[in-house]
PDB file of all heavy atoms in Angstrom:
ATOM      1  N   ALA A   1       5.329  -6.481 -15.621  1.00  0.00           N
ATOM      2  CA  ALA A   1       5.143  -6.500 -17.069  1.00  0.00           C
ATOM      3  C   ALA A   1       3.747  -6.987 -17.466  1.00  0.00           C
ATOM      4  O   ALA A   1       3.184  -6.530 -18.455  1.00  0.00           O
ATOM      5  CB  ALA A   1       6.217  -7.365 -17.724  1.00  0.00           C
ATOM      6  N   ASN A   2       3.162  -7.891 -16.677  1.00  0.00           N
ATOM      7  CA  ASN A   2       1.836  -8.429 -17.000  1.00  0.00           C
ATOM      8  C   ASN A   2       0.694  -7.576 -16.434  1.00  0.00           C
ATOM      9  O   ASN A   2      -0.463  -7.946 -16.531  1.00  0.00           O
ATOM     10  CB  ASN A   2       1.710  -9.866 -16.503  1.00  0.00           C
ATOM     11  CG  ASN A   2       1.743  -9.976 -14.991  1.00  0.00           C
ATOM     12  OD1 ASN A   2       1.927  -8.982 -14.283  1.00  0.00           O
ATOM     13  ND2 ASN A   2       1.590 -11.186 -14.491  1.00  0.00           N
ATOM     14  N   GLY A   3       1.022  -6.448 -15.812  1.00  0.00           N
ATOM     15  CA  GLY A   3      -0.012  -5.556 -15.278  1.00  0.00           C
ATOM     16  C   GLY A   3      -0.313  -5.750 -13.805  1.00  0.00           C
ATOM     17  O   GLY A   3      -1.043  -4.954 -13.217  1.00  0.00           O
ATOM     18  N   ASP A   4       0.221  -6.806 -13.183  1.00  0.00           N
ATOM     19  CA  ASP A   4       0.037  -6.996 -11.739  1.00  0.00           C
ATOM     20  C   ASP A   4       0.689  -5.823 -11.005  1.00  0.00           C
ATOM     21  O   ASP A   4       1.668  -5.246 -11.483  1.00  0.00           O
ATOM     22  CB  ASP A   4       0.673  -8.304 -11.265  1.00  0.00           C
ATOM     23  CG  ASP A   4      -0.066  -9.535 -11.759  1.00  0.00           C
ATOM     24  OD1 ASP A   4      -1.196  -9.406 -12.266  1.00  0.00           O
ATOM     25  OD2 ASP A   4       0.501 -10.630 -11.629  1.00  0.00           O
ATOM     26  N   ILE A   5       0.153  -5.499  -9.829  1.00  0.00           N
ATOM     27  CA  ILE A   5       0.641  -4.349  -9.071  1.00  0.00           C
ATOM     28  C   ILE A   5       0.942  -4.751  -7.633  1.00  0.00           C
ATOM     29  O   ILE A   5       0.154  -5.465  -7.006  1.00  0.00           O
ATOM     30  CB  ILE A   5      -0.409  -3.221  -9.066  1.00  0.00           C
ATOM     31  CG1 ILE A   5      -0.625  -2.705 -10.491  1.00  0.00           C
ATOM     32  CG2 ILE A   5       0.008  -2.080  -8.141  1.00  0.00           C
ATOM     33  CD1 ILE A   5      -1.790  -1.745 -10.619  1.00  0.00           C
ATOM     34  N   VAL A   6       2.065  -4.271  -7.118  1.00  0.00           N
ATOM     35  CA  VAL A   6       2.375  -4.343  -5.694  1.00  0.00           C
ATOM     36  C   VAL A   6       2.415  -2.890  -5.214  1.00  0.00           C
ATOM     37  O   VAL A   6       3.138  -2.062  -5.758  1.00  0.00           O
ATOM     38  CB  VAL A   6       3.712  -5.045  -5.418  1.00  0.00           C
ATOM     39  CG1 VAL A   6       4.045  -4.986  -3.929  1.00  0.00           C
ATOM     40  CG2 VAL A   6       3.660  -6.495  -5.892  1.00  0.00           C
ATOM     41  N   ASP A   7       1.602  -2.596  -4.222  1.00  0.00           N
ATOM     42  CA  ASP A   7       1.426  -1.226  -3.746  1.00  0.00           C
ATOM     43  C   ASP A   7       1.778  -1.146  -2.262  1.00  0.00           C
ATOM     44  O   ASP A   7       1.367  -1.999  -1.478  1.00  0.00           O
ATOM     45  CB  ASP A   7      -0.027  -0.806  -3.958  1.00  0.00           C
ATOM     46  CG  ASP A   7      -0.267   0.640  -3.607  1.00  0.00           C
ATOM     47  OD1 ASP A   7       0.128   1.503  -4.412  1.00  0.00           O
ATOM     48  OD2 ASP A   7      -0.851   0.910  -2.540  1.00  0.00           O
ATOM     49  N   VAL A   8       2.538  -0.114  -1.897  1.00  0.00           N
ATOM     50  CA  VAL A   8       2.877   0.139  -0.496  1.00  0.00           C
ATOM     51  C   VAL A   8       2.336   1.519  -0.138  1.00  0.00           C
ATOM     52  O   VAL A   8       2.602   2.495  -0.838  1.00  0.00           O
ATOM     53  CB  VAL A   8       4.402   0.109  -0.254  1.00  0.00           C
ATOM     54  CG1 VAL A   8       4.715   0.401   1.208  1.00  0.00           C
ATOM     55  CG2 VAL A   8       4.989  -1.230  -0.684  1.00  0.00           C
ATOM     56  N   GLY A   9       1.569   1.563   0.936  1.00  0.00           N
ATOM     57  CA  GLY A   9       1.015   2.836   1.378  1.00  0.00           C
ATOM     58  C   GLY A   9       0.991   2.938   2.885  1.00  0.00           C
ATOM     59  O   GLY A   9       1.271   1.970   3.603  1.00  0.00           O
ATOM     60  N   TRP A  10       0.667   4.111   3.360  1.00  0.00           N
ATOM     61  CA  TRP A  10       0.569   4.400   4.790  1.00  0.00           C
ATOM     62  C   TRP A  10      -0.877   4.744   5.086  1.00  0.00           C
ATOM     63  O   TRP A  10      -1.438   5.653   4.471  1.00  0.00           O
ATOM     64  CB  TRP A  10       1.480   5.576   5.139  1.00  0.00           C
ATOM     65  CG  TRP A  10       1.573   5.860   6.591  1.00  0.00           C
ATOM     66  CD1 TRP A  10       0.833   6.763   7.295  1.00  0.00           C
ATOM     67  CD2 TRP A  10       2.439   5.237   7.538  1.00  0.00           C
ATOM     68  NE1 TRP A  10       1.193   6.752   8.613  1.00  0.00           N
ATOM     69  CE2 TRP A  10       2.187   5.820   8.788  1.00  0.00           C
ATOM     70  CE3 TRP A  10       3.403   4.241   7.447  1.00  0.00           C
ATOM     71  CZ2 TRP A  10       2.869   5.434   9.941  1.00  0.00           C
ATOM     72  CZ3 TRP A  10       4.075   3.879   8.593  1.00  0.00           C
ATOM     73  CH2 TRP A  10       3.809   4.468   9.815  1.00  0.00           C
ATOM     74  N   TYR A  11      -1.503   4.003   5.996  1.00  0.00           N
ATOM     75  CA  TYR A  11      -2.936   4.183   6.287  1.00  0.00           C
ATOM     76  C   TYR A  11      -3.167   4.305   7.783  1.00  0.00           C
ATOM     77  O   TYR A  11      -2.661   3.469   8.525  1.00  0.00           O
ATOM     78  CB  TYR A  11      -3.734   3.004   5.736  1.00  0.00           C
ATOM     79  CG  TYR A  11      -3.641   2.910   4.236  1.00  0.00           C
ATOM     80  CD1 TYR A  11      -2.624   2.188   3.623  1.00  0.00           C
ATOM     81  CD2 TYR A  11      -4.552   3.567   3.429  1.00  0.00           C
ATOM     82  CE1 TYR A  11      -2.523   2.117   2.247  1.00  0.00           C
ATOM     83  CE2 TYR A  11      -4.463   3.500   2.048  1.00  0.00           C
ATOM     84  CZ  TYR A  11      -3.449   2.765   1.465  1.00  0.00           C
ATOM     85  OH  TYR A  11      -3.347   2.706   0.100  1.00  0.00           O
ATOM     86  N   PRO A  12      -3.934   5.256   8.250  1.00  0.00           N
ATOM     87  CA  PRO A  12      -4.447   6.371   7.468  1.00  0.00           C
ATOM     88  C   PRO A  12      -3.320   7.339   7.123  1.00  0.00           C
ATOM     89  O   PRO A  12      -2.357   7.496   7.875  1.00  0.00           O
ATOM     90  CB  PRO A  12      -5.483   7.034   8.363  1.00  0.00           C
ATOM     91  CG  PRO A  12      -5.124   6.635   9.752  1.00  0.00           C
ATOM     92  CD  PRO A  12      -4.418   5.311   9.649  1.00  0.00           C
ATOM     93  N   ALA A  13      -3.452   7.956   5.978  1.00  0.00           N
ATOM     94  CA  ALA A  13      -2.421   8.854   5.466  1.00  0.00           C
ATOM     95  C   ALA A  13      -2.162  10.000   6.438  1.00  0.00           C
ATOM     96  O   ALA A  13      -3.072  10.496   7.102  1.00  0.00           O
ATOM     97  CB  ALA A  13      -2.846   9.410   4.112  1.00  0.00           C
ATOM     98  N   TRP A  14      -0.892  10.383   6.513  1.00  0.00           N
ATOM     99  CA  TRP A  14      -0.429  11.533   7.295  1.00  0.00           C
ATOM    100  C   TRP A  14      -0.794  11.452   8.770  1.00  0.00           C
ATOM    101  O   TRP A  14      -1.051  12.442   9.423  1.00  0.00           O
ATOM    102  CB  TRP A  14      -0.931  12.846   6.672  1.00  0.00           C
ATOM    103  CG  TRP A  14      -0.518  12.915   5.246  1.00  0.00           C
ATOM    104  CD1 TRP A  14       0.761  13.099   4.779  1.00  0.00           C
ATOM    105  CD2 TRP A  14      -1.331  12.746   4.099  1.00  0.00           C
ATOM    106  NE1 TRP A  14       0.774  13.051   3.407  1.00  0.00           N
ATOM    107  CE2 TRP A  14      -0.509  12.842   2.964  1.00  0.00           C
ATOM    108  CE3 TRP A  14      -2.694  12.518   3.912  1.00  0.00           C
ATOM    109  CZ2 TRP A  14      -0.988  12.724   1.680  1.00  0.00           C
ATOM    110  CZ3 TRP A  14      -3.173  12.391   2.627  1.00  0.00           C
ATOM    111  CH2 TRP A  14      -2.322  12.502   1.533  1.00  0.00           C
ATOM    112  N   ASN A  15      -0.810  10.238   9.304  1.00  0.00           N
ATOM    113  CA  ASN A  15      -1.144  10.023  10.705  1.00  0.00           C
ATOM    114  C   ASN A  15       0.009   9.260  11.361  1.00  0.00           C
ATOM    115  O   ASN A  15       0.356   8.169  10.912  1.00  0.00           O
ATOM    116  CB  ASN A  15      -2.445   9.217  10.801  1.00  0.00           C
ATOM    117  CG  ASN A  15      -2.918   9.011  12.208  1.00  0.00           C
ATOM    118  OD1 ASN A  15      -2.132   8.840  13.125  1.00  0.00           O
ATOM    119  ND2 ASN A  15      -4.224   9.001  12.380  1.00  0.00           N
ATOM    120  N   GLU A  16       0.570   9.805  12.431  1.00  0.00           N
ATOM    121  CA  GLU A  16       1.689   9.146  13.122  1.00  0.00           C
ATOM    122  C   GLU A  16       1.327   7.748  13.605  1.00  0.00           C
ATOM    123  O   GLU A  16       2.188   6.886  13.729  1.00  0.00           O
ATOM    124  CB  GLU A  16       2.139   9.977  14.320  1.00  0.00           C
ATOM    125  CG  GLU A  16       2.925  11.194  13.949  1.00  0.00           C
ATOM    126  CD  GLU A  16       3.469  11.912  15.175  1.00  0.00           C
ATOM    127  OE1 GLU A  16       4.069  11.249  16.037  1.00  0.00           O
ATOM    128  OE2 GLU A  16       3.281  13.139  15.249  1.00  0.00           O
ATOM    129  N   GLN A  17       0.067   7.521  13.895  1.00  0.00           N
ATOM    130  CA  GLN A  17      -0.379   6.223  14.400  1.00  0.00           C
ATOM    131  C   GLN A  17      -0.698   5.233  13.281  1.00  0.00           C
ATOM    132  O   GLN A  17      -1.122   4.117  13.539  1.00  0.00           O
ATOM    133  CB  GLN A  17      -1.612   6.396  15.296  1.00  0.00           C
ATOM    134  CG  GLN A  17      -1.411   7.371  16.441  1.00  0.00           C
ATOM    135  CD  GLN A  17      -0.194   7.055  17.280  1.00  0.00           C
ATOM    136  OE1 GLN A  17       0.026   5.908  17.652  1.00  0.00           O
ATOM    137  NE2 GLN A  17       0.613   8.059  17.586  1.00  0.00           N
ATOM    138  N   GLY A  18      -0.500   5.662  12.031  1.00  0.00           N
ATOM    139  CA  GLY A  18      -0.814   4.801  10.894  1.00  0.00           C
ATOM    140  C   GLY A  18       0.107   3.595  10.790  1.00  0.00           C
ATOM    141  O   GLY A  18       1.032   3.414  11.590  1.00  0.00           O
ATOM    142  N   ARG A  19      -0.181   2.781   9.785  1.00  0.00           N
ATOM    143  CA  ARG A  19       0.598   1.557   9.537  1.00  0.00           C
ATOM    144  C   ARG A  19       0.904   1.441   8.057  1.00  0.00           C
ATOM    145  O   ARG A  19       0.136   1.899   7.220  1.00  0.00           O
ATOM    146  CB  ARG A  19      -0.212   0.309   9.934  1.00  0.00           C
ATOM    147  CG  ARG A  19      -0.650   0.200  11.360  1.00  0.00           C
ATOM    148  CD  ARG A  19       0.303  -0.522  12.264  1.00  0.00           C
ATOM    149  NE  ARG A  19       0.984  -1.663  11.684  1.00  0.00           N
ATOM    150  CZ  ARG A  19       0.924  -2.885  12.155  1.00  0.00           C
ATOM    151  NH1 ARG A  19       0.172  -3.153  13.202  1.00  0.00           N
ATOM    152  NH2 ARG A  19       1.616  -3.857  11.602  1.00  0.00           N
ATOM    153  N   LEU A  20       2.002   0.783   7.762  1.00  0.00           N
ATOM    154  CA  LEU A  20       2.299   0.427   6.382  1.00  0.00           C
ATOM    155  C   LEU A  20       1.305  -0.633   5.930  1.00  0.00           C
ATOM    156  O   LEU A  20       0.859  -1.466   6.734  1.00  0.00           O
ATOM    157  CB  LEU A  20       3.712  -0.151   6.263  1.00  0.00           C
ATOM    158  CG  LEU A  20       4.870   0.818   6.347  1.00  0.00           C
ATOM    159  CD1 LEU A  20       6.175   0.050   6.470  1.00  0.00           C
ATOM    160  CD2 LEU A  20       4.896   1.734   5.137  1.00  0.00           C
ATOM    161  N   ARG A  21       0.983  -0.610   4.661  1.00  0.00           N
ATOM    162  CA  ARG A  21       0.153  -1.670   4.096  1.00  0.00           C
ATOM    163  C   ARG A  21       0.741  -2.043   2.742  1.00  0.00           C
ATOM    164  O   ARG A  21       1.021  -1.169   1.914  1.00  0.00           O
ATOM    165  CB  ARG A  21      -1.295  -1.232   3.941  1.00  0.00           C
ATOM    166  CG  ARG A  21      -2.178  -2.365   3.432  1.00  0.00           C
ATOM    167  CD  ARG A  21      -3.642  -2.064   3.551  1.00  0.00           C
ATOM    168  NE  ARG A  21      -3.987  -0.973   2.644  1.00  0.00           N
ATOM    169  CZ  ARG A  21      -5.222  -0.533   2.482  1.00  0.00           C
ATOM    170  NH1 ARG A  21      -6.204  -1.035   3.183  1.00  0.00           N
ATOM    171  NH2 ARG A  21      -5.456   0.437   1.632  1.00  0.00           N
ATOM    172  N   VAL A  22       0.934  -3.339   2.538  1.00  0.00           N
ATOM    173  CA  VAL A  22       1.437  -3.871   1.281  1.00  0.00           C
ATOM    174  C   VAL A  22       0.323  -4.703   0.665  1.00  0.00           C
ATOM    175  O   VAL A  22      -0.228  -5.595   1.313  1.00  0.00           O
ATOM    176  CB  VAL A  22       2.699  -4.746   1.501  1.00  0.00           C
ATOM    177  CG1 VAL A  22       3.165  -5.350   0.187  1.00  0.00           C
ATOM    178  CG2 VAL A  22       3.807  -3.920   2.145  1.00  0.00           C
ATOM    179  N   VAL A  23      -0.012  -4.384  -0.589  1.00  0.00           N
ATOM    180  CA  VAL A  23      -1.115  -5.052  -1.278  1.00  0.00           C
ATOM    181  C   VAL A  23      -0.637  -5.505  -2.655  1.00  0.00           C
ATOM    182  O   VAL A  23       0.080  -4.765  -3.341  1.00  0.00           O
ATOM    183  CB  VAL A  23      -2.313  -4.080  -1.446  1.00  0.00           C
ATOM    184  CG1 VAL A  23      -3.460  -4.743  -2.184  1.00  0.00           C
ATOM    185  CG2 VAL A  23      -2.787  -3.582  -0.102  1.00  0.00           C
ATOM    186  N   ALA A  24      -1.038  -6.709  -3.056  1.00  0.00           N
ATOM    187  CA  ALA A  24      -0.774  -7.215  -4.404  1.00  0.00           C
ATOM    188  C   ALA A  24      -2.114  -7.336  -5.126  1.00  0.00           C
ATOM    189  O   ALA A  24      -3.055  -7.935  -4.606  1.00  0.00           O
ATOM    190  CB  ALA A  24      -0.073  -8.570  -4.348  1.00  0.00           C
ATOM    191  N   VAL A  25      -2.178  -6.747  -6.332  1.00  0.00           N
ATOM    192  CA  VAL A  25      -3.438  -6.674  -7.082  1.00  0.00           C
ATOM    193  C   VAL A  25      -3.240  -7.263  -8.471  1.00  0.00           C
ATOM    194  O   VAL A  25      -2.250  -6.981  -9.142  1.00  0.00           O
ATOM    195  CB  VAL A  25      -3.890  -5.194  -7.205  1.00  0.00           C
ATOM    196  CG1 VAL A  25      -5.125  -5.079  -8.051  1.00  0.00           C
ATOM    197  CG2 VAL A  25      -4.111  -4.599  -5.830  1.00  0.00           C
ATOM    198  N   ARG A  26      -4.196  -8.047  -8.888  1.00  0.00           N
ATOM    199  CA  ARG A  26      -4.188  -8.611 -10.244  1.00  0.00           C
ATOM    200  C   ARG A  26      -5.380  -8.050 -10.998  1.00  0.00           C
ATOM    201  O   ARG A  26      -6.481  -7.947 -10.460  1.00  0.00           O
ATOM    202  CB  ARG A  26      -4.282 -10.134 -10.164  1.00  0.00           C
ATOM    203  CG  ARG A  26      -4.583 -10.735 -11.521  1.00  0.00           C
ATOM    204  CD  ARG A  26      -4.071 -12.110 -11.687  1.00  0.00           C
ATOM    205  NE  ARG A  26      -2.616 -12.017 -11.837  1.00  0.00           N
ATOM    206  CZ  ARG A  26      -1.799 -13.014 -11.590  1.00  0.00           C
ATOM    207  NH1 ARG A  26      -2.253 -14.143 -11.165  1.00  0.00           N
ATOM    208  NH2 ARG A  26      -0.509 -12.869 -11.757  1.00  0.00           N
TER     209      ARG A  26
END
């Protein structure tokens, strides 16, 4: 509600050897 963001992505994208990444941004 305050605009903070929690983002989950896969890096590098579309790569079997990639990893999940969880980031919190203010």
